[in-house]
Amino acid sequence: ILQSAVALRPTELLSYVKLGQCQLEAGDAAGAMITFSRLRELDPSSPAATTGLGLVALRAGDTRLARRYFLETLQQAPG
């Protein structure tokens, strides 16, 4: 359903966030990486995109990359 939402409204950012979260929970790290990367392309200042990319990296065991994304999130949204 969320993939359809993204296809029908490709500029609706919240759909990318929800789709990426579902992909992560389902164990589809590759799909989540694509989704959060696309979100980042659409909104380069999106803390949801960098948080999602950080979670993908963390699940892949790449703690350095995850840390970089999480620090970027903190710069974008310190609160």
Protein backbone atom coordinates (compact mmCIF):
# COMPACT_ATOMS: atom_id res chain seq x y z
CA ILE A 1 0.00 0.00 0.00
CA LEU A 2 2.77 2.43 0.89
CA GLN A 3 4.61 1.67 -2.34
CA SER A 4 1.42 2.58 -4.18
CA ALA A 5 1.16 5.79 -2.16
CA VAL A 6 4.71 6.74 -3.16
CA ALA A 7 3.98 5.91 -6.79
CA LEU A 8 0.76 7.93 -6.82
CA ARG A 9 2.16 10.92 -4.92
CA PRO A 10 5.93 10.92 -5.37
CA THR A 11 6.34 14.28 -3.66
CA GLU A 12 4.51 13.25 -0.45
CA LEU A 13 7.48 12.95 1.92
CA LEU A 14 5.66 11.22 4.78
CA SER A 15 4.95 8.23 2.53
CA TYR A 16 8.69 7.69 2.10
CA VAL A 17 9.24 7.84 5.86
CA LYS A 18 6.52 5.27 6.54
CA LEU A 19 7.59 3.01 3.67
CA GLY A 20 11.23 3.07 4.81
CA GLN A 21 10.21 2.25 8.38
CA CYS A 22 8.12 -0.70 7.21
CA GLN A 23 10.93 -1.96 5.00
CA LEU A 24 13.36 -1.82 7.91
CA GLU A 25 10.96 -3.69 10.18
CA ALA A 26 10.40 -6.32 7.50
CA GLY A 27 14.15 -6.83 7.12
CA ASP A 28 14.36 -5.23 3.67
CA ALA A 29 17.47 -3.14 4.29
CA ALA A 30 18.14 -2.66 0.57
CA GLY A 31 14.65 -1.35 -0.01
CA ALA A 32 14.87 0.93 3.00
CA MET A 33 18.20 2.30 1.77
CA ILE A 34 16.63 3.15 -1.60
CA THR A 35 13.57 4.71 0.03
CA PHE A 36 15.49 6.85 2.54
CA SER A 37 17.98 7.86 -0.16
CA ARG A 38 15.11 9.00 -2.37
CA LEU A 39 13.64 10.93 0.56
CA ARG A 40 16.99 12.62 1.03
CA GLU A 41 17.07 13.57 -2.66
CA LEU A 42 13.61 15.13 -2.36
CA ASP A 43 14.38 16.87 0.94
CA PRO A 44 18.12 17.18 1.62
CA SER A 45 17.47 18.64 5.08
CA SER A 46 15.18 15.80 6.18
CA PRO A 47 16.20 14.42 9.58
CA ALA A 48 13.95 11.41 8.88
CA ALA A 49 16.09 10.56 5.85
CA THR A 50 19.39 10.66 7.71
CA THR A 51 17.94 8.83 10.70
CA GLY A 52 16.60 6.13 8.40
CA LEU A 53 19.92 5.84 6.58
CA GLY A 54 21.66 5.63 9.95
CA LEU A 55 19.39 2.79 11.03
CA VAL A 56 20.04 0.93 7.78
CA ALA A 57 23.81 1.32 8.28
CA LEU A 58 23.52 0.23 11.92
CA ARG A 59 21.62 -2.92 10.97
CA ALA A 60 24.31 -3.66 8.40
CA GLY A 61 26.94 -3.39 11.15
CA ASP A 62 28.54 -0.24 9.74
CA THR A 63 28.71 1.80 12.93
CA ARG A 64 30.94 4.50 11.42
CA LEU A 65 28.48 5.25 8.66
CA ALA A 66 25.56 5.05 11.09
CA ARG A 67 27.28 7.54 13.39
CA ARG A 68 27.88 9.92 10.49
CA TYR A 69 24.21 9.84 9.53
CA PHE A 70 23.06 10.26 13.14
CA LEU A 71 25.39 13.24 13.64
CA GLU A 72 23.98 14.74 10.47
CA THR A 73 20.49 14.28 11.92
CA LEU A 74 21.54 16.13 15.05
CA GLN A 75 22.88 19.01 12.97
CA GLN A 76 19.63 19.22 11.03
CA ALA A 77 17.33 18.93 14.04
CA PRO A 78 19.22 19.52 17.31
CA GLY A 79 16.03 19.33 19.37
